[in-house]
Amino acid sequence: MTTLSTTEAINAYRICALRSALKLEILGMKKRGQSAYSIIKQEFGFKGNKQKVLEQLQSKIDEVKGNSK
């Protein structure tokens, strides 16, 4: 079991969880409450449809992972 103890690790995990939720929304799964798509758009200011937002989020994740190495 892995423990995430730093703020950066927790934020990175949250972004990955949002990416996974957005992938499921693209496939048609729905959730109660605010969608991952709207959370991501609000938080990061991305524009476009779900697929474009997913691509932008993946670029952001790659950027963060590149800086952490």
Protein backbone atom coordinates (compact mmCIF):
# COMPACT_ATOMS: atom_id res chain seq x y z
CA MET A 1 0.00 0.00 0.00
CA THR A 2 1.31 3.43 -0.93
CA THR A 3 0.85 6.45 1.27
CA LEU A 4 0.75 9.89 -0.29
CA SER A 5 2.10 12.26 2.32
CA THR A 6 3.12 15.36 0.38
CA THR A 7 0.81 17.97 -1.06
CA GLU A 8 2.37 17.53 -4.51
CA ALA A 9 1.76 13.77 -4.48
CA ILE A 10 -1.85 14.21 -3.39
CA ASN A 11 -2.49 16.81 -6.11
CA ALA A 12 -0.86 14.60 -8.76
CA TYR A 13 -3.07 11.66 -7.70
CA ARG A 14 -6.18 13.87 -7.81
CA ILE A 15 -5.36 15.03 -11.35
CA CYS A 16 -4.91 11.40 -12.44
CA ALA A 17 -8.24 10.49 -10.82
CA LEU A 18 -9.94 13.35 -12.70
CA ARG A 19 -8.36 12.09 -15.94
CA SER A 20 -9.76 8.60 -15.32
CA ALA A 21 -13.20 10.01 -14.52
CA LEU A 22 -13.16 12.09 -17.72
CA LYS A 23 -12.24 9.00 -19.77
CA LEU A 24 -15.27 7.21 -18.32
CA GLU A 25 -17.50 10.22 -19.09
CA ILE A 26 -16.28 10.14 -22.69
CA LEU A 27 -17.35 6.49 -22.86
CA GLY A 28 -20.83 7.46 -21.63
CA MET A 29 -20.75 6.87 -17.90
CA LYS A 30 -22.52 9.50 -15.84
CA LYS A 31 -22.06 10.54 -12.25
CA ARG A 32 -24.12 12.41 -9.73
CA GLY A 33 -23.11 15.93 -8.99
CA GLN A 34 -20.61 17.95 -10.94
CA SER A 35 -18.95 16.19 -13.86
CA ALA A 36 -15.20 15.67 -14.07
CA TYR A 37 -15.33 17.60 -17.35
CA SER A 38 -16.72 20.72 -15.65
CA ILE A 39 -14.34 20.40 -12.67
CA ILE A 40 -11.32 20.19 -14.99
CA LYS A 41 -12.49 23.13 -17.11
CA GLN A 42 -13.05 25.30 -14.02
CA GLU A 43 -9.80 24.35 -12.32
CA PHE A 44 -7.43 24.55 -15.28
CA GLY A 45 -9.29 26.90 -17.63
CA PHE A 46 -9.23 24.45 -20.55
CA LYS A 47 -11.50 25.02 -23.54
CA GLY A 48 -13.09 22.60 -25.98
CA ASN A 49 -15.04 19.36 -26.00
CA LYS A 50 -14.36 16.42 -23.68
CA GLN A 51 -11.76 14.84 -25.98
CA LYS A 52 -9.83 18.10 -26.39
CA VAL A 53 -9.92 18.73 -22.63
CA LEU A 54 -8.61 15.19 -22.04
CA GLU A 55 -5.70 15.85 -24.41
CA GLN A 56 -4.91 19.14 -22.65
CA LEU A 57 -5.09 17.46 -19.24
CA GLN A 58 -2.77 14.66 -20.40
CA SER A 59 -0.28 17.30 -21.57
CA LYS A 60 -0.50 18.96 -18.16
CA ILE A 61 0.12 15.60 -16.41
CA ASP A 62 3.12 14.89 -18.65
CA GLU A 63 4.48 18.37 -17.88
CA VAL A 64 4.11 17.84 -14.12
CA LYS A 65 5.72 14.39 -14.28
CA GLY A 66 8.59 15.80 -16.34
CA ASN A 67 9.26 18.50 -13.74
CA SER A 68 9.18 16.05 -10.83
CA LYS A 69 11.97 13.84 -12.21
